[in-house]
């Protein structure tokens, strides 16, 4: 069963618009940059994201959201723990991020 991986960013106040756009572009590019070690092919099913536009006012500093979908928990686990492209991205993003939040779920599964 597929895994949905939600990533939320709050950028440092010192981050330039160019740096924010660069990290956002790189986040979405991981769909093509992350290559499975066995198949040697991209393994992220889909990636989307954008700037918050909610009128609710409860973002708590979060300005950008991304949704990444994986075919399996194994693919998600490789991405989180071992993928060199993702590791490099995290290093770059860490320079301009104030906070990152991540939550993953399998659609329809509500047990802990």
N, C-alpha and C. Protein backbone atom coordinates (compact mmCIF):
# COMPACT_ATOMS: atom_id res chain seq x y z
N UNK A 1 0.84 -1.18 0.00
CA UNK A 1 0.00 0.00 0.00
C UNK A 1 0.88 1.24 0.00
N UNK A 2 0.50 2.28 -0.72
CA UNK A 2 1.30 3.48 -0.87
C UNK A 2 1.40 4.30 0.40
N UNK A 3 2.45 5.12 0.45
CA UNK A 3 2.70 6.01 1.58
C UNK A 3 2.70 7.44 1.09
N UNK A 4 1.95 8.30 1.77
CA UNK A 4 1.96 9.73 1.50
C UNK A 4 2.86 10.40 2.52
N UNK A 5 3.80 11.20 2.04
CA UNK A 5 4.83 11.85 2.85
C UNK A 5 4.61 13.36 2.72
N UNK A 6 4.18 13.99 3.81
CA UNK A 6 3.91 15.43 3.78
C UNK A 6 5.06 16.16 4.47
N UNK A 7 5.59 17.16 3.79
CA UNK A 7 6.73 17.94 4.28
C UNK A 7 6.31 19.40 4.34
N UNK A 8 6.54 20.03 5.50
CA UNK A 8 6.18 21.42 5.71
C UNK A 8 7.43 22.21 6.09
N UNK A 9 7.61 23.39 5.47
CA UNK A 9 8.80 24.20 5.71
C UNK A 9 8.45 25.57 6.27
N UNK A 10 9.26 26.01 7.21
CA UNK A 10 9.32 27.41 7.62
C UNK A 10 10.75 27.85 7.33
N UNK A 11 10.91 28.85 6.51
CA UNK A 11 12.24 29.34 6.16
C UNK A 11 12.72 30.37 7.17
N UNK A 12 14.03 30.45 7.31
CA UNK A 12 14.63 31.48 8.17
C UNK A 12 14.26 32.85 7.62
N UNK A 13 14.12 33.82 8.50
CA UNK A 13 13.79 35.18 8.04
C UNK A 13 14.89 35.75 7.16
N UNK A 14 16.10 35.24 7.28
CA UNK A 14 17.22 35.71 6.47
C UNK A 14 17.28 35.06 5.09
N UNK A 15 16.44 34.05 4.84
CA UNK A 15 16.46 33.36 3.54
C UNK A 15 15.94 34.28 2.45
N UNK A 16 16.71 34.39 1.39
CA UNK A 16 16.32 35.25 0.27
C UNK A 16 15.23 34.56 -0.56
N UNK A 17 14.44 35.35 -1.31
CA UNK A 17 13.46 34.74 -2.20
C UNK A 17 14.11 33.75 -3.18
N UNK A 18 15.30 34.06 -3.63
CA UNK A 18 16.00 33.15 -4.54
C UNK A 18 16.34 31.82 -3.89
N UNK A 19 16.78 31.88 -2.64
CA UNK A 19 17.12 30.65 -1.91
C UNK A 19 15.87 29.83 -1.64
N UNK A 20 14.77 30.50 -1.31
CA UNK A 20 13.51 29.80 -1.07
C UNK A 20 13.03 29.12 -2.34
N UNK A 21 13.09 29.82 -3.46
CA UNK A 21 12.69 29.22 -4.74
C UNK A 21 13.60 28.05 -5.11
N UNK A 22 14.89 28.19 -4.85
CA UNK A 22 15.84 27.13 -5.18
C UNK A 22 15.55 25.87 -4.38
N UNK A 23 15.35 26.01 -3.07
CA UNK A 23 15.06 24.84 -2.24
C UNK A 23 13.72 24.21 -2.63
N UNK A 24 12.74 25.05 -2.92
CA UNK A 24 11.43 24.52 -3.34
C UNK A 24 11.54 23.75 -4.64
N UNK A 25 12.28 24.29 -5.59
CA UNK A 25 12.49 23.61 -6.87
C UNK A 25 13.24 22.29 -6.66
N UNK A 26 14.27 22.33 -5.82
CA UNK A 26 15.05 21.12 -5.54
C UNK A 26 14.21 20.05 -4.83
N UNK A 27 13.31 20.49 -3.96
CA UNK A 27 12.43 19.53 -3.28
C UNK A 27 11.59 18.78 -4.30
N UNK A 28 11.01 19.48 -5.24
CA UNK A 28 10.19 18.83 -6.26
C UNK A 28 11.03 17.99 -7.23
N UNK A 29 12.27 18.41 -7.46
CA UNK A 29 13.16 17.68 -8.37
C UNK A 29 13.60 16.34 -7.81
N UNK A 30 13.43 16.14 -6.51
CA UNK A 30 13.80 14.85 -5.93
C UNK A 30 13.03 13.70 -6.59
N UNK A 31 11.87 13.99 -7.14
CA UNK A 31 11.09 12.95 -7.82
C UNK A 31 11.92 12.29 -8.93
N UNK A 32 12.72 13.06 -9.61
CA UNK A 32 13.56 12.53 -10.69
C UNK A 32 14.99 12.24 -10.24
N UNK A 33 15.43 12.92 -9.20
CA UNK A 33 16.82 12.78 -8.75
C UNK A 33 17.06 11.57 -7.87
N UNK A 34 16.02 11.09 -7.19
CA UNK A 34 16.16 9.94 -6.30
C UNK A 34 16.02 8.65 -7.10
N UNK A 35 17.10 7.89 -7.13
CA UNK A 35 17.17 6.67 -7.94
C UNK A 35 17.25 5.46 -7.02
N UNK A 36 16.40 4.48 -7.29
CA UNK A 36 16.38 3.26 -6.48
C UNK A 36 17.66 2.46 -6.72
N UNK A 37 18.29 1.94 -5.67
CA UNK A 37 19.57 1.24 -5.84
C UNK A 37 19.47 -0.07 -6.62
N UNK A 38 18.30 -0.67 -6.62
CA UNK A 38 18.13 -1.95 -7.32
C UNK A 38 17.68 -1.75 -8.76
N UNK A 39 16.61 -0.99 -8.94
CA UNK A 39 16.06 -0.81 -10.30
C UNK A 39 16.83 0.23 -11.11
N UNK A 40 17.57 1.09 -10.43
CA UNK A 40 18.32 2.19 -11.08
C UNK A 40 17.38 3.17 -11.78
N UNK A 41 16.14 3.26 -11.27
CA UNK A 41 15.14 4.16 -11.83
C UNK A 41 14.56 5.03 -10.72
N UNK A 42 14.01 6.19 -11.08
CA UNK A 42 13.32 7.00 -10.07
C UNK A 42 12.20 6.18 -9.43
N UNK A 43 12.01 6.34 -8.12
CA UNK A 43 11.03 5.53 -7.41
C UNK A 43 9.96 6.35 -6.70
N UNK A 44 10.03 7.66 -6.74
CA UNK A 44 8.99 8.49 -6.15
C UNK A 44 7.84 8.55 -7.15
N UNK A 45 6.64 8.16 -6.70
CA UNK A 45 5.48 8.11 -7.59
C UNK A 45 5.04 9.50 -8.04
N UNK A 46 4.99 10.44 -7.10
CA UNK A 46 4.57 11.80 -7.44
C UNK A 46 5.10 12.76 -6.39
N UNK A 47 5.20 14.02 -6.80
CA UNK A 47 5.62 15.09 -5.89
C UNK A 47 4.91 16.37 -6.32
N UNK A 48 4.36 17.06 -5.34
CA UNK A 48 3.71 18.35 -5.61
C UNK A 48 3.98 19.26 -4.43
N UNK A 49 3.79 20.54 -4.64
CA UNK A 49 4.01 21.46 -3.53
C UNK A 49 3.75 22.89 -3.94
N UNK A 50 3.76 23.76 -2.93
CA UNK A 50 3.55 25.17 -3.19
C UNK A 50 3.58 25.99 -1.92
N UNK A 51 3.32 27.27 -2.10
CA UNK A 51 3.30 28.22 -1.00
C UNK A 51 1.91 28.23 -0.36
N UNK A 52 1.88 28.30 0.95
CA UNK A 52 0.62 28.33 1.68
C UNK A 52 -0.26 29.48 1.22
N UNK A 53 -1.54 29.23 1.10
CA UNK A 53 -2.49 30.30 0.80
C UNK A 53 -3.77 30.16 1.63
N UNK A 54 -3.67 29.49 2.77
CA UNK A 54 -4.84 29.28 3.62
C UNK A 54 -5.24 30.57 4.33
N UNK A 55 -6.53 30.88 4.35
CA UNK A 55 -6.99 32.07 5.06
C UNK A 55 -7.22 31.82 6.56
N UNK A 56 -7.00 30.58 7.03
CA UNK A 56 -7.32 30.26 8.42
C UNK A 56 -6.38 30.92 9.44
N UNK A 57 -5.15 31.19 9.05
CA UNK A 57 -4.22 31.84 9.96
C UNK A 57 -3.66 30.97 11.06
N UNK A 58 -3.62 29.67 10.85
CA UNK A 58 -3.08 28.77 11.88
C UNK A 58 -1.87 27.98 11.37
N UNK A 59 -1.08 28.62 10.52
CA UNK A 59 0.07 27.97 9.92
C UNK A 59 1.27 27.88 10.86
N UNK A 60 1.28 28.68 11.91
CA UNK A 60 2.38 28.66 12.89
C UNK A 60 3.75 28.80 12.24
N UNK A 61 3.85 29.69 11.27
CA UNK A 61 5.13 29.96 10.62
C UNK A 61 5.42 29.13 9.38
N UNK A 62 4.66 28.07 9.14
CA UNK A 62 4.86 27.23 7.97
C UNK A 62 4.41 28.00 6.73
N UNK A 63 5.26 28.04 5.71
CA UNK A 63 4.94 28.78 4.49
C UNK A 63 4.88 27.92 3.23
N UNK A 64 5.49 26.74 3.26
CA UNK A 64 5.56 25.90 2.07
C UNK A 64 5.21 24.46 2.44
N UNK A 65 4.46 23.79 1.56
CA UNK A 65 4.05 22.41 1.80
C UNK A 65 4.32 21.57 0.55
N UNK A 66 4.70 20.33 0.80
CA UNK A 66 5.01 19.39 -0.28
C UNK A 66 4.39 18.04 0.05
N UNK A 67 3.90 17.36 -0.97
CA UNK A 67 3.34 16.03 -0.82
C UNK A 67 4.09 15.10 -1.76
N UNK A 68 4.69 14.07 -1.19
CA UNK A 68 5.48 13.09 -1.95
C UNK A 68 4.82 11.74 -1.73
N UNK A 69 4.62 11.00 -2.81
CA UNK A 69 3.99 9.68 -2.70
C UNK A 69 4.97 8.58 -3.10
N UNK A 70 4.96 7.53 -2.28
CA UNK A 70 5.80 6.36 -2.50
C UNK A 70 4.91 5.14 -2.68
N UNK A 71 5.39 4.19 -3.44
CA UNK A 71 4.66 2.94 -3.68
C UNK A 71 4.59 2.08 -2.42
N UNK A 72 5.63 2.16 -1.57
CA UNK A 72 5.71 1.26 -0.42
C UNK A 72 6.44 1.93 0.74
N UNK A 73 6.29 1.33 1.93
CA UNK A 73 7.05 1.83 3.08
C UNK A 73 8.54 1.59 2.88
N UNK A 74 8.89 0.53 2.15
CA UNK A 74 10.30 0.26 1.87
C UNK A 74 10.92 1.39 1.05
N UNK A 75 10.20 1.86 0.03
CA UNK A 75 10.71 2.98 -0.77
C UNK A 75 10.82 4.24 0.09
N UNK A 76 9.80 4.50 0.90
CA UNK A 76 9.85 5.67 1.78
C UNK A 76 11.03 5.57 2.75
N UNK A 77 11.24 4.38 3.32
CA UNK A 77 12.33 4.20 4.27
C UNK A 77 13.70 4.40 3.60
N UNK A 78 13.84 3.92 2.37
CA UNK A 78 15.10 4.14 1.65
C UNK A 78 15.32 5.65 1.44
N UNK A 79 14.29 6.34 1.03
CA UNK A 79 14.34 7.78 0.81
C UNK A 79 14.77 8.51 2.08
N UNK A 80 14.14 8.19 3.18
CA UNK A 80 14.41 8.88 4.45
C UNK A 80 15.80 8.54 5.00
N UNK A 81 16.20 7.29 4.90
CA UNK A 81 17.41 6.85 5.60
C UNK A 81 18.66 6.72 4.75
N UNK A 82 18.52 6.47 3.44
CA UNK A 82 19.70 6.08 2.67
C UNK A 82 19.92 6.80 1.35
N UNK A 83 18.91 7.43 0.80
CA UNK A 83 19.06 8.00 -0.54
C UNK A 83 20.06 9.16 -0.54
N UNK A 84 21.14 9.06 -1.33
CA UNK A 84 22.16 10.12 -1.32
C UNK A 84 21.64 11.46 -1.86
N UNK A 85 20.73 11.44 -2.82
CA UNK A 85 20.17 12.70 -3.34
C UNK A 85 19.34 13.40 -2.27
N UNK A 86 18.57 12.63 -1.53
CA UNK A 86 17.78 13.21 -0.43
C UNK A 86 18.69 13.72 0.68
N UNK A 87 19.75 12.98 1.00
CA UNK A 87 20.70 13.42 2.02
C UNK A 87 21.33 14.76 1.63
N UNK A 88 21.73 14.89 0.38
CA UNK A 88 22.33 16.14 -0.09
C UNK A 88 21.31 17.28 -0.01
N UNK A 89 20.07 17.00 -0.39
CA UNK A 89 19.03 18.02 -0.30
C UNK A 89 18.86 18.49 1.14
N UNK A 90 18.82 17.56 2.09
CA UNK A 90 18.63 17.93 3.50
C UNK A 90 19.74 18.85 3.98
N UNK A 91 20.96 18.60 3.54
CA UNK A 91 22.09 19.46 3.93
C UNK A 91 21.90 20.87 3.40
N UNK A 92 21.51 20.99 2.14
CA UNK A 92 21.29 22.31 1.54
C UNK A 92 20.11 23.02 2.17
N UNK A 93 19.02 22.32 2.36
CA UNK A 93 17.82 22.92 2.94
C UNK A 93 18.06 23.37 4.37
N UNK A 94 18.85 22.62 5.10
CA UNK A 94 19.12 22.95 6.49
C UNK A 94 19.76 24.32 6.68
N UNK A 95 20.39 24.82 5.64
CA UNK A 95 21.04 26.13 5.71
C UNK A 95 20.04 27.28 5.72
N UNK A 96 18.84 27.05 5.17
CA UNK A 96 17.86 28.14 5.05
C UNK A 96 16.54 27.86 5.77
N UNK A 97 16.42 26.69 6.37
CA UNK A 97 15.17 26.35 7.06
C UNK A 97 15.24 26.68 8.54
N UNK A 98 14.19 27.29 9.02
CA UNK A 98 13.99 27.49 10.45
C UNK A 98 13.41 26.22 11.07
N UNK A 99 12.47 25.61 10.33
CA UNK A 99 11.78 24.42 10.84
C UNK A 99 11.28 23.59 9.67
N UNK A 100 11.35 22.28 9.84
CA UNK A 100 10.73 21.35 8.90
C UNK A 100 9.89 20.38 9.71
N UNK A 101 8.71 20.08 9.21
CA UNK A 101 7.84 19.08 9.84
C UNK A 101 7.49 18.05 8.78
N UNK A 102 7.44 16.80 9.20
CA UNK A 102 7.11 15.71 8.28
C UNK A 102 6.10 14.80 8.95
N UNK A 103 5.11 14.39 8.18
CA UNK A 103 4.17 13.37 8.63
C UNK A 103 3.89 12.45 7.45
N UNK A 104 3.86 11.16 7.73
CA UNK A 104 3.58 10.16 6.70
C UNK A 104 2.33 9.39 7.09
N UNK A 105 1.59 8.94 6.08
CA UNK A 105 0.43 8.11 6.38
C UNK A 105 0.12 7.20 5.21
N UNK A 106 -0.60 6.13 5.54
CA UNK A 106 -1.16 5.23 4.54
C UNK A 106 -2.66 5.52 4.53
N UNK A 107 -3.19 5.82 3.38
CA UNK A 107 -4.59 6.24 3.25
C UNK A 107 -5.52 5.23 3.90
N UNK A 108 -6.37 5.74 4.79
CA UNK A 108 -7.38 4.91 5.44
C UNK A 108 -6.92 4.15 6.66
N UNK A 109 -5.63 4.23 7.02
CA UNK A 109 -5.12 3.51 8.19
C UNK A 109 -5.06 4.49 9.35
N UNK A 110 -5.81 4.22 10.41
CA UNK A 110 -5.94 5.13 11.54
C UNK A 110 -5.45 4.56 12.86
N UNK A 111 -4.98 3.33 12.88
CA UNK A 111 -4.51 2.74 14.13
C UNK A 111 -3.07 3.20 14.41
N UNK A 112 -2.71 3.21 15.66
CA UNK A 112 -1.35 3.61 16.05
C UNK A 112 -0.44 2.44 16.16
